[in-house]
Amino acid sequence: MLIDAHSHWLPDEIISNAHFFHKGWGDIESQLKMMDKAGIQRAVLSYPTTDAHLKLGSISQVARIYNDNVAKILKAYPKRFIGAAVLPVDNSIDMLQELMRVINELGFKAISLASSYNGIYLDDKMFLPIYKEAERQGLPVFVHSQILNPIGYERVKDPLLTPVVEYVFDTTISIGKLLMSDILRQYPKVKFIFAYFGGAICYLKQRFDATYQMLRGMNFVKDLQALPSDYFKNIYVDTSGDTTKANFLLSLELMGPKRILWGSDWPAKQNISAGIKAVQDLDISQEDQRNILGGNLEKIFAKPPV
């Protein structure tokens, strides 16, 4: 089964109040045609992060608009789409309440978070009740890079460098802070799924481990009780439409084929066949290829709550 771990759809109210996004991001019929042509049975719909809340007044308002409209798609096409719900991170008291609403009433099966929110990363204490519930119910947490003021934006504002470099490192810092806050150790059953191969984490594996061992020998950093890479092996990453063999090889080396999920990044990327072929061309077993192309994600959603 071919399952897309990374695709997007936005309602008109968000598109019209956000920069960058166009009407194509709200065309579910085009996405279905693409899926049928590519042989994709199901796709996760997650939030790409936008700046719509600046005009709409709050992230809470965006969350309600997004979740209610995606719920209509889930109802219309229950066998084709899996919903990852946005949470009102600007009101931590309401986050758990909204999570329970979308899971129990609207049919969502996952959570959609950004790598950071105005400099607040996913290690913040306000997210702990969400992780506890995600662990209890077996809800995967899909993490997309923050596109609004990612790390470095206060020093470098550039239309190319921001999405190429700053998005990637915002995701990388997000994972690093989950490591250093012990959340990856304390919540090992939470299935964190980071877009774009987890930023630069796979590339930085050796540096993380070697630097940690050196600094730990000087008692300069706290005892993580394992190497950083041991924790990174427990997260999942999606391919986000990438076709670069080196990125696949690095993620295979660190995480292995059971922790990689194929994702198209539709509609931002539209050469779907190239992304699928990139997996099929890897020098790994056909079983591993099938797992990356959908088997791994199918198992994530098939796991019962703890």
C-alpha atoms as a PDB file:
ATOM      1  CA  MET A   1       0.000   0.000   0.000  1.00  0.00           C
ATOM      2  CA  LEU A   2       1.349   3.396  -1.028  1.00  0.00           C
ATOM      3  CA  ILE A   3       0.608   6.003   1.657  1.00  0.00           C
ATOM      4  CA  ASP A   4       1.649   9.644   1.493  1.00  0.00           C
ATOM      5  CA  ALA A   5       2.948  10.857   4.881  1.00  0.00           C
ATOM      6  CA  HIS A   6       3.279  14.499   3.872  1.00  0.00           C
ATOM      7  CA  SER A   7       0.600  16.345   1.920  1.00  0.00           C
ATOM      8  CA  HIS A   8      -1.312  19.553   2.453  1.00  0.00           C
ATOM      9  CA  TRP A   9      -4.730  21.045   1.880  1.00  0.00           C
ATOM     10  CA  LEU A  10      -5.969  24.443   3.040  1.00  0.00           C
ATOM     11  CA  PRO A  11      -9.468  25.920   3.222  1.00  0.00           C
ATOM     12  CA  ASP A  12     -10.177  29.116   1.296  1.00  0.00           C
ATOM     13  CA  GLU A  13     -10.439  31.198   4.467  1.00  0.00           C
ATOM     14  CA  ILE A  14      -6.847  30.395   5.366  1.00  0.00           C
ATOM     15  CA  ILE A  15      -5.516  30.741   1.809  1.00  0.00           C
ATOM     16  CA  SER A  16      -7.081  34.177   1.392  1.00  0.00           C
ATOM     17  CA  ASN A  17      -5.609  35.411   4.670  1.00  0.00           C
ATOM     18  CA  ALA A  18      -2.088  34.048   4.178  1.00  0.00           C
ATOM     19  CA  HIS A  19       0.854  35.000   2.009  1.00  0.00           C
ATOM     20  CA  PHE A  20       2.391  32.627  -0.538  1.00  0.00           C
ATOM     21  CA  PHE A  21      -0.431  30.090  -0.741  1.00  0.00           C
ATOM     22  CA  HIS A  22      -2.666  29.970  -3.814  1.00  0.00           C
ATOM     23  CA  LYS A  23      -5.965  28.334  -4.717  1.00  0.00           C
ATOM     24  CA  GLY A  24      -4.200  25.151  -5.749  1.00  0.00           C
ATOM     25  CA  TRP A  25      -3.574  24.434  -2.075  1.00  0.00           C
ATOM     26  CA  GLY A  26      -7.337  24.062  -1.628  1.00  0.00           C
ATOM     27  CA  ASP A  27      -8.066  21.791  -4.599  1.00  0.00           C
ATOM     28  CA  ILE A  28      -8.800  18.367  -3.101  1.00  0.00           C
ATOM     29  CA  GLU A  29     -10.103  17.003  -6.410  1.00  0.00           C
ATOM     30  CA  SER A  30      -6.725  17.631  -8.059  1.00  0.00           C
ATOM     31  CA  GLN A  31      -5.033  15.851  -5.201  1.00  0.00           C
ATOM     32  CA  LEU A  32      -7.317  12.844  -5.608  1.00  0.00           C
ATOM     33  CA  LYS A  33      -6.568  12.718  -9.342  1.00  0.00           C
ATOM     34  CA  MET A  34      -2.834  12.857  -8.578  1.00  0.00           C
ATOM     35  CA  MET A  35      -3.199  10.085  -5.998  1.00  0.00           C
ATOM     36  CA  ASP A  36      -5.109   7.857  -8.412  1.00  0.00           C
ATOM     37  CA  LYS A  37      -2.542   8.402 -11.153  1.00  0.00           C
ATOM     38  CA  ALA A  38       0.390   7.662  -8.821  1.00  0.00           C
ATOM     39  CA  GLY A  39      -1.299   4.714  -7.122  1.00  0.00           C
ATOM     40  CA  ILE A  40      -1.456   6.399  -3.711  1.00  0.00           C
ATOM     41  CA  GLN A  41      -4.161   4.756  -1.610  1.00  0.00           C
ATOM     42  CA  ARG A  42      -4.166   7.213   1.293  1.00  0.00           C
ATOM     43  CA  ALA A  43      -2.584  10.524   2.268  1.00  0.00           C
ATOM     44  CA  VAL A  44      -2.030  12.356   5.531  1.00  0.00           C
ATOM     45  CA  LEU A  45      -3.279  15.941   5.472  1.00  0.00           C
ATOM     46  CA  SER A  46      -1.143  18.095   7.757  1.00  0.00           C
ATOM     47  CA  TYR A  47      -0.820  21.840   8.211  1.00  0.00           C
ATOM     48  CA  PRO A  48       2.064  23.480   6.289  1.00  0.00           C
ATOM     49  CA  THR A  49       2.184  26.394   8.785  1.00  0.00           C
ATOM     50  CA  THR A  50       1.037  29.770   7.479  1.00  0.00           C
ATOM     51  CA  ASP A  51       0.806  33.360   8.657  1.00  0.00           C
ATOM     52  CA  ALA A  52      -2.994  33.419   8.349  1.00  0.00           C
ATOM     53  CA  HIS A  53      -3.377  33.873  12.102  1.00  0.00           C
ATOM     54  CA  LEU A  54      -1.951  37.390  11.802  1.00  0.00           C
ATOM     55  CA  LYS A  55      -5.045  38.470   9.865  1.00  0.00           C
ATOM     56  CA  LEU A  56      -7.544  36.087  11.402  1.00  0.00           C
ATOM     57  CA  GLY A  57      -6.609  37.157  14.915  1.00  0.00           C
ATOM     58  CA  SER A  58      -5.222  34.023  16.533  1.00  0.00           C
ATOM     59  CA  ILE A  59      -3.844  30.547  15.990  1.00  0.00           C
ATOM     60  CA  SER A  60      -6.902  29.299  17.879  1.00  0.00           C
ATOM     61  CA  GLN A  61      -9.110  30.711  15.125  1.00  0.00           C
ATOM     62  CA  VAL A  62      -6.950  29.104  12.456  1.00  0.00           C
ATOM     63  CA  ALA A  63      -7.071  25.764  14.272  1.00  0.00           C
ATOM     64  CA  ARG A  64     -10.857  25.808  14.405  1.00  0.00           C
ATOM     65  CA  ILE A  65     -11.193  26.788  10.731  1.00  0.00           C
ATOM     66  CA  TYR A  66      -8.644  24.231   9.573  1.00  0.00           C
ATOM     67  CA  ASN A  67      -9.874  21.323  11.673  1.00  0.00           C
ATOM     68  CA  ASP A  68     -13.544  21.855  10.880  1.00  0.00           C
ATOM     69  CA  ASN A  69     -12.878  22.058   7.128  1.00  0.00           C
ATOM     70  CA  VAL A  70     -10.495  19.094   7.001  1.00  0.00           C
ATOM     71  CA  ALA A  71     -13.134  17.125   8.926  1.00  0.00           C
ATOM     72  CA  LYS A  72     -15.477  17.593   5.944  1.00  0.00           C
ATOM     73  CA  ILE A  73     -12.863  15.994   3.680  1.00  0.00           C
ATOM     74  CA  LEU A  74     -12.378  13.104   6.101  1.00  0.00           C
ATOM     75  CA  LYS A  75     -16.124  12.525   6.097  1.00  0.00           C
ATOM     76  CA  ALA A  76     -16.391  12.728   2.310  1.00  0.00           C
ATOM     77  CA  TYR A  77     -13.358  10.520   1.635  1.00  0.00           C
ATOM     78  CA  PRO A  78     -12.846   8.352   4.750  1.00  0.00           C
ATOM     79  CA  LYS A  79     -10.697   5.774   2.959  1.00  0.00           C
ATOM     80  CA  ARG A  80      -8.424   8.259   1.190  1.00  0.00           C
ATOM     81  CA  PHE A  81      -7.307  10.787   3.795  1.00  0.00           C
ATOM     82  CA  ILE A  82      -5.949  10.804   7.344  1.00  0.00           C
ATOM     83  CA  GLY A  83      -6.296  14.028   9.286  1.00  0.00           C
ATOM     84  CA  ALA A  84      -3.562  15.587  11.436  1.00  0.00           C
ATOM     85  CA  ALA A  85      -5.161  18.272  13.591  1.00  0.00           C
ATOM     86  CA  VAL A  86      -3.849  21.752  14.328  1.00  0.00           C
ATOM     87  CA  LEU A  87      -3.846  22.756  18.006  1.00  0.00           C
ATOM     88  CA  PRO A  88      -4.466  26.239  19.484  1.00  0.00           C
ATOM     89  CA  VAL A  89      -0.911  26.690  20.745  1.00  0.00           C
ATOM     90  CA  ASP A  90      -1.645  30.302  21.652  1.00  0.00           C
ATOM     91  CA  ASN A  91      -3.924  29.017  24.405  1.00  0.00           C
ATOM     92  CA  SER A  92      -2.357  26.066  26.182  1.00  0.00           C
ATOM     93  CA  ILE A  93      -5.482  25.502  28.290  1.00  0.00           C
ATOM     94  CA  ASP A  94      -7.527  24.813  25.148  1.00  0.00           C
ATOM     95  CA  MET A  95      -4.996  22.555  23.415  1.00  0.00           C
ATOM     96  CA  LEU A  96      -6.002  19.314  25.101  1.00  0.00           C
ATOM     97  CA  GLN A  97      -9.690  20.167  24.797  1.00  0.00           C
ATOM     98  CA  GLU A  98      -9.354  20.748  21.044  1.00  0.00           C
ATOM     99  CA  LEU A  99      -7.351  17.544  20.666  1.00  0.00           C
ATOM    100  CA  MET A 100     -10.102  15.530  22.339  1.00  0.00           C
ATOM    101  CA  ARG A 101     -12.724  17.240  20.173  1.00  0.00           C
ATOM    102  CA  VAL A 102     -11.049  16.464  16.867  1.00  0.00           C
ATOM    103  CA  ILE A 103     -10.222  12.878  17.831  1.00  0.00           C
ATOM    104  CA  ASN A 104     -13.573  11.980  19.357  1.00  0.00           C
ATOM    105  CA  GLU A 105     -15.914  14.040  17.171  1.00  0.00           C
ATOM    106  CA  LEU A 106     -14.191  14.806  13.854  1.00  0.00           C
ATOM    107  CA  GLY A 107     -12.285  11.623  13.017  1.00  0.00           C
ATOM    108  CA  PHE A 108      -8.707  12.907  13.185  1.00  0.00           C
ATOM    109  CA  LYS A 109      -6.006  10.346  13.910  1.00  0.00           C
ATOM    110  CA  ALA A 110      -2.879  12.482  14.278  1.00  0.00           C
ATOM    111  CA  ILE A 111      -1.487  15.815  15.461  1.00  0.00           C
ATOM    112  CA  SER A 112       0.110  18.505  13.303  1.00  0.00           C
ATOM    113  CA  LEU A 113       2.659  20.805  14.955  1.00  0.00           C
ATOM    114  CA  ALA A 114       5.191  23.327  13.704  1.00  0.00           C
ATOM    115  CA  SER A 115       8.835  23.015  14.729  1.00  0.00           C
ATOM    116  CA  SER A 116       8.476  26.226  16.792  1.00  0.00           C
ATOM    117  CA  TYR A 117       6.082  29.065  17.584  1.00  0.00           C
ATOM    118  CA  ASN A 118       7.616  32.540  17.960  1.00  0.00           C
ATOM    119  CA  GLY A 119      10.790  31.000  19.357  1.00  0.00           C
ATOM    120  CA  ILE A 120       8.960  28.532  21.608  1.00  0.00           C
ATOM    121  CA  TYR A 121       9.999  24.996  20.717  1.00  0.00           C
ATOM    122  CA  LEU A 122       8.320  21.663  21.272  1.00  0.00           C
ATOM    123  CA  ASP A 123      10.166  21.060  24.547  1.00  0.00           C
ATOM    124  CA  ASP A 124       7.994  23.693  26.244  1.00  0.00           C
ATOM    125  CA  LYS A 125       6.024  22.381  29.210  1.00  0.00           C
ATOM    126  CA  MET A 126       2.729  23.364  27.613  1.00  0.00           C
ATOM    127  CA  PHE A 127       3.111  20.448  25.189  1.00  0.00           C
ATOM    128  CA  LEU A 128       3.556  17.773  27.873  1.00  0.00           C
ATOM    129  CA  PRO A 129      -0.182  17.044  28.298  1.00  0.00           C
ATOM    130  CA  ILE A 130      -0.379  16.636  24.512  1.00  0.00           C
ATOM    131  CA  TYR A 131       2.493  14.147  24.503  1.00  0.00           C
ATOM    132  CA  LYS A 132       0.907  12.189  27.333  1.00  0.00           C
ATOM    133  CA  GLU A 133      -2.339  11.943  25.395  1.00  0.00           C
ATOM    134  CA  ALA A 134      -0.522  11.129  22.150  1.00  0.00           C
ATOM    135  CA  GLU A 135       1.276   8.327  23.956  1.00  0.00           C
ATOM    136  CA  ARG A 136      -1.943   7.061  25.552  1.00  0.00           C
ATOM    137  CA  GLN A 137      -3.941   7.048  22.322  1.00  0.00           C
ATOM    138  CA  GLY A 138      -1.125   6.150  19.931  1.00  0.00           C
ATOM    139  CA  LEU A 139      -1.448   9.422  18.008  1.00  0.00           C
ATOM    140  CA  PRO A 140       1.499  10.247  15.742  1.00  0.00           C
ATOM    141  CA  VAL A 141       2.792  13.828  15.867  1.00  0.00           C
ATOM    142  CA  PHE A 142       3.679  15.235  12.441  1.00  0.00           C
ATOM    143  CA  VAL A 143       6.124  18.153  12.702  1.00  0.00           C
ATOM    144  CA  HIS A 144       6.475  20.614   9.830  1.00  0.00           C
ATOM    145  CA  SER A 145       9.117  23.323   9.715  1.00  0.00           C
ATOM    146  CA  GLN A 146       8.024  26.735  10.954  1.00  0.00           C
ATOM    147  CA  ILE A 147       7.875  29.143   8.008  1.00  0.00           C
ATOM    148  CA  LEU A 148       7.153  32.265  10.067  1.00  0.00           C
ATOM    149  CA  ASN A 149      10.246  33.629  11.827  1.00  0.00           C
ATOM    150  CA  PRO A 150      12.275  30.410  11.890  1.00  0.00           C
ATOM    151  CA  ILE A 151      15.618  30.375  13.663  1.00  0.00           C
ATOM    152  CA  GLY A 152      18.051  32.854  12.102  1.00  0.00           C
ATOM    153  CA  TYR A 153      15.321  35.025  10.582  1.00  0.00           C
ATOM    154  CA  GLU A 154      16.080  37.895  12.968  1.00  0.00           C
ATOM    155  CA  ARG A 155      19.553  38.140  11.418  1.00  0.00           C
ATOM    156  CA  VAL A 156      19.022  37.024   7.820  1.00  0.00           C
ATOM    157  CA  LYS A 157      15.797  37.703   5.893  1.00  0.00           C
ATOM    158  CA  ASP A 158      16.200  36.320   2.412  1.00  0.00           C
ATOM    159  CA  PRO A 159      13.596  34.777   0.079  1.00  0.00           C
ATOM    160  CA  LEU A 160      15.907  31.872  -0.772  1.00  0.00           C
ATOM    161  CA  LEU A 161      18.057  31.435   2.350  1.00  0.00           C
ATOM    162  CA  THR A 162      15.090  31.445   4.712  1.00  0.00           C
ATOM    163  CA  PRO A 163      13.298  28.411   3.208  1.00  0.00           C
ATOM    164  CA  VAL A 164      16.474  26.559   2.238  1.00  0.00           C
ATOM    165  CA  VAL A 165      18.531  27.053   5.402  1.00  0.00           C
ATOM    166  CA  GLU A 166      16.397  28.476   8.195  1.00  0.00           C
ATOM    167  CA  TYR A 167      13.457  26.102   7.808  1.00  0.00           C
ATOM    168  CA  VAL A 168      15.854  23.156   7.928  1.00  0.00           C
ATOM    169  CA  PHE A 169      17.635  24.361  11.038  1.00  0.00           C
ATOM    170  CA  ASP A 170      14.427  25.259  12.835  1.00  0.00           C
ATOM    171  CA  THR A 171      13.466  21.592  12.517  1.00  0.00           C
ATOM    172  CA  THR A 172      16.959  20.539  13.602  1.00  0.00           C
ATOM    173  CA  ILE A 173      16.891  22.748  16.706  1.00  0.00           C
ATOM    174  CA  SER A 174      13.410  21.468  17.522  1.00  0.00           C
ATOM    175  CA  ILE A 175      14.670  17.884  17.594  1.00  0.00           C
ATOM    176  CA  GLY A 176      17.756  18.921  19.548  1.00  0.00           C
ATOM    177  CA  LYS A 177      15.663  20.633  22.219  1.00  0.00           C
ATOM    178  CA  LEU A 178      13.448  17.565  22.559  1.00  0.00           C
ATOM    179  CA  LEU A 179      16.657  15.624  23.160  1.00  0.00           C
ATOM    180  CA  MET A 180      18.141  18.009  25.725  1.00  0.00           C
ATOM    181  CA  SER A 181      14.842  18.372  27.625  1.00  0.00           C
ATOM    182  CA  ASP A 182      14.675  14.561  27.985  1.00  0.00           C
ATOM    183  CA  ILE A 183      11.307  14.427  26.202  1.00  0.00           C
ATOM    184  CA  LEU A 184      12.622  11.879  23.696  1.00  0.00           C
ATOM    185  CA  ARG A 185      13.678   9.726  26.648  1.00  0.00           C
ATOM    186  CA  GLN A 186      10.647  10.317  28.859  1.00  0.00           C
ATOM    187  CA  TYR A 187       8.081   9.823  26.083  1.00  0.00           C
ATOM    188  CA  PRO A 188       9.623   7.028  24.007  1.00  0.00           C
ATOM    189  CA  LYS A 189       6.246   5.828  22.721  1.00  0.00           C
ATOM    190  CA  VAL A 190       5.292   9.156  21.163  1.00  0.00           C
ATOM    191  CA  LYS A 191       5.711   8.762  17.419  1.00  0.00           C
ATOM    192  CA  PHE A 192       7.312  12.041  16.356  1.00  0.00           C
ATOM    193  CA  ILE A 193       7.456  12.345  12.547  1.00  0.00           C
ATOM    194  CA  PHE A 194       9.679  15.174  11.305  1.00  0.00           C
ATOM    195  CA  ALA A 195       9.460  16.464   7.760  1.00  0.00           C
ATOM    196  CA  TYR A 196      12.372  16.875   5.346  1.00  0.00           C
ATOM    197  CA  PHE A 197      14.456  14.018   6.806  1.00  0.00           C
ATOM    198  CA  GLY A 198      14.453  15.726  10.200  1.00  0.00           C
ATOM    199  CA  GLY A 199      16.348  18.788   9.022  1.00  0.00           C
ATOM    200  CA  ALA A 200      20.101  18.246   9.422  1.00  0.00           C
ATOM    201  CA  ILE A 201      19.880  15.656  12.205  1.00  0.00           C
ATOM    202  CA  CYS A 202      21.049  12.745  10.059  1.00  0.00           C
ATOM    203  CA  TYR A 203      23.993  14.783   8.779  1.00  0.00           C
ATOM    204  CA  LEU A 204      24.957  15.803  12.325  1.00  0.00           C
ATOM    205  CA  LYS A 205      24.827  12.350  13.911  1.00  0.00           C
ATOM    206  CA  GLN A 206      28.596  11.915  14.315  1.00  0.00           C
ATOM    207  CA  ARG A 207      29.111  15.473  15.543  1.00  0.00           C
ATOM    208  CA  PHE A 208      26.345  15.117  18.110  1.00  0.00           C
ATOM    209  CA  ASP A 209      27.785  11.888  19.510  1.00  0.00           C
ATOM    210  CA  ALA A 210      31.450  12.917  19.460  1.00  0.00           C
ATOM    211  CA  THR A 211      30.821  16.349  20.967  1.00  0.00           C
ATOM    212  CA  TYR A 212      28.514  14.935  23.634  1.00  0.00           C
ATOM    213  CA  GLN A 213      31.123  12.346  24.659  1.00  0.00           C
ATOM    214  CA  MET A 214      33.846  14.997  24.841  1.00  0.00           C
ATOM    215  CA  LEU A 215      31.751  17.438  26.864  1.00  0.00           C
ATOM    216  CA  ARG A 216      30.336  14.701  29.058  1.00  0.00           C
ATOM    217  CA  GLY A 217      33.901  13.655  29.900  1.00  0.00           C
ATOM    218  CA  MET A 218      34.435  17.201  31.213  1.00  0.00           C
ATOM    219  CA  ASN A 219      31.089  17.099  33.068  1.00  0.00           C
ATOM    220  CA  PHE A 220      30.086  20.077  30.895  1.00  0.00           C
ATOM    221  CA  VAL A 221      26.726  18.668  29.783  1.00  0.00           C
ATOM    222  CA  LYS A 222      24.175  16.622  31.675  1.00  0.00           C
ATOM    223  CA  ASP A 223      24.038  12.857  31.452  1.00  0.00           C
ATOM    224  CA  LEU A 224      21.572  11.930  28.713  1.00  0.00           C
ATOM    225  CA  GLN A 225      21.869   8.247  29.702  1.00  0.00           C
ATOM    226  CA  ALA A 226      22.631   7.348  26.083  1.00  0.00           C
ATOM    227  CA  LEU A 227      24.213   8.834  22.992  1.00  0.00           C
ATOM    228  CA  PRO A 228      22.186  11.489  21.147  1.00  0.00           C
ATOM    229  CA  SER A 229      21.976   9.224  18.106  1.00  0.00           C
ATOM    230  CA  ASP A 230      20.330   6.514  20.218  1.00  0.00           C
ATOM    231  CA  TYR A 231      17.393   8.866  20.742  1.00  0.00           C
ATOM    232  CA  PHE A 232      17.356  10.100  17.163  1.00  0.00           C
ATOM    233  CA  LYS A 233      16.926   6.506  16.020  1.00  0.00           C
ATOM    234  CA  ASN A 234      13.554   6.463  17.750  1.00  0.00           C
ATOM    235  CA  ILE A 235      11.995   9.332  15.802  1.00  0.00           C
ATOM    236  CA  TYR A 236      10.547   9.059  12.302  1.00  0.00           C
ATOM    237  CA  VAL A 237      11.333  11.241   9.307  1.00  0.00           C
ATOM    238  CA  ASP A 238       9.496  11.762   6.053  1.00  0.00           C
ATOM    239  CA  THR A 239      11.080  12.323   2.679  1.00  0.00           C
ATOM    240  CA  SER A 240       8.996  15.405   1.715  1.00  0.00           C
ATOM    241  CA  GLY A 241       9.280  14.809  -2.008  1.00  0.00           C
ATOM    242  CA  ASP A 242      13.087  14.703  -1.929  1.00  0.00           C
ATOM    243  CA  THR A 243      14.933  12.614  -4.498  1.00  0.00           C
ATOM    244  CA  THR A 244      18.503  13.137  -3.232  1.00  0.00           C
ATOM    245  CA  LYS A 245      20.148   9.751  -2.729  1.00  0.00           C
ATOM    246  CA  ALA A 246      22.592  11.092  -0.133  1.00  0.00           C
ATOM    247  CA  ASN A 247      19.717  12.163   2.117  1.00  0.00           C
ATOM    248  CA  PHE A 248      18.171   8.706   1.912  1.00  0.00           C
ATOM    249  CA  LEU A 249      21.497   7.047   2.675  1.00  0.00           C
ATOM    250  CA  LEU A 250      22.144   9.238   5.719  1.00  0.00           C
ATOM    251  CA  SER A 251      18.690   8.550   7.129  1.00  0.00           C
ATOM    252  CA  LEU A 252      19.043   4.839   6.429  1.00  0.00           C
ATOM    253  CA  GLU A 253      22.358   4.825   8.289  1.00  0.00           C
ATOM    254  CA  LEU A 254      20.976   6.604  11.351  1.00  0.00           C
ATOM    255  CA  MET A 255      17.386   5.372  11.577  1.00  0.00           C
ATOM    256  CA  GLY A 256      17.088   2.368   9.345  1.00  0.00           C
ATOM    257  CA  PRO A 257      14.303   1.642   6.841  1.00  0.00           C
ATOM    258  CA  LYS A 258      11.588   1.202   9.489  1.00  0.00           C
ATOM    259  CA  ARG A 259      11.752   4.857  10.556  1.00  0.00           C
ATOM    260  CA  ILE A 260      11.552   6.512   7.129  1.00  0.00           C
ATOM    261  CA  LEU A 261       8.201   7.470   5.603  1.00  0.00           C
ATOM    262  CA  TRP A 262       7.675   8.472   2.008  1.00  0.00           C
ATOM    263  CA  GLY A 263       5.959  11.831   1.610  1.00  0.00           C
ATOM    264  CA  SER A 264       5.154  13.863  -1.494  1.00  0.00           C
ATOM    265  CA  ASP A 265       4.906  17.394  -0.020  1.00  0.00           C
ATOM    266  CA  TRP A 266       1.956  17.973  -2.351  1.00  0.00           C
ATOM    267  CA  PRO A 267       1.092  20.523  -3.686  1.00  0.00           C
ATOM    268  CA  ALA A 268       4.408  22.306  -3.033  1.00  0.00           C
ATOM    269  CA  LYS A 269       6.133  19.530  -4.996  1.00  0.00           C
ATOM    270  CA  GLN A 270       4.348  17.921  -7.913  1.00  0.00           C
ATOM    271  CA  ASN A 271       6.816  15.467  -9.474  1.00  0.00           C
ATOM    272  CA  ILE A 272       5.329  12.609  -7.477  1.00  0.00           C
ATOM    273  CA  SER A 273       6.709   9.802  -9.636  1.00  0.00           C
ATOM    274  CA  ALA A 274      10.292  11.004  -9.098  1.00  0.00           C
ATOM    275  CA  GLY A 275       9.880  10.833  -5.334  1.00  0.00           C
ATOM    276  CA  ILE A 276       8.519   7.296  -5.529  1.00  0.00           C
ATOM    277  CA  LYS A 277      11.252   6.203  -7.933  1.00  0.00           C
ATOM    278  CA  ALA A 278      13.919   7.580  -5.580  1.00  0.00           C
ATOM    279  CA  VAL A 279      12.822   4.975  -3.027  1.00  0.00           C
ATOM    280  CA  GLN A 280      12.545   2.204  -5.597  1.00  0.00           C
ATOM    281  CA  ASP A 281      16.103   2.915  -6.793  1.00  0.00           C
ATOM    282  CA  LEU A 282      17.630   2.471  -3.335  1.00  0.00           C
ATOM    283  CA  ASP A 283      19.866  -0.569  -2.841  1.00  0.00           C
ATOM    284  CA  ILE A 284      17.631  -2.067  -0.168  1.00  0.00           C
ATOM    285  CA  SER A 285      15.245  -5.008  -0.104  1.00  0.00           C
ATOM    286  CA  GLN A 286      11.835  -4.776  -1.743  1.00  0.00           C
ATOM    287  CA  GLU A 287      10.299  -5.230   1.699  1.00  0.00           C
ATOM    288  CA  ASP A 288      12.178  -2.193   2.988  1.00  0.00           C
ATOM    289  CA  GLN A 289      11.071  -0.219  -0.062  1.00  0.00           C
ATOM    290  CA  ARG A 290       7.456  -1.194   0.546  1.00  0.00           C
ATOM    291  CA  ASN A 291       7.751  -0.195   4.192  1.00  0.00           C
ATOM    292  CA  ILE A 292       9.119   3.252   3.331  1.00  0.00           C
ATOM    293  CA  LEU A 293       6.429   3.744   0.684  1.00  0.00           C
ATOM    294  CA  GLY A 294       3.601   3.042   3.085  1.00  0.00           C
ATOM    295  CA  GLY A 295       4.104  -0.016   5.246  1.00  0.00           C
ATOM    296  CA  ASN A 296       5.771   1.872   8.078  1.00  0.00           C
ATOM    297  CA  LEU A 297       2.997   4.460   8.239  1.00  0.00           C
ATOM    298  CA  GLU A 298       0.328   1.779   8.032  1.00  0.00           C
ATOM    299  CA  LYS A 299       1.881   0.103  11.085  1.00  0.00           C
ATOM    300  CA  ILE A 300       1.986   3.416  12.978  1.00  0.00           C
ATOM    301  CA  PHE A 301      -1.754   3.886  12.559  1.00  0.00           C
ATOM    302  CA  ALA A 302      -2.467   0.236  13.224  1.00  0.00           C
ATOM    303  CA  LYS A 303      -0.761   0.245  16.641  1.00  0.00           C
ATOM    304  CA  PRO A 304      -3.265   0.109  19.511  1.00  0.00           C
ATOM    305  CA  PRO A 305      -3.205   2.732  22.292  1.00  0.00           C
ATOM    306  CA  VAL A 306      -0.906   2.002  25.230  1.00  0.00           C
END
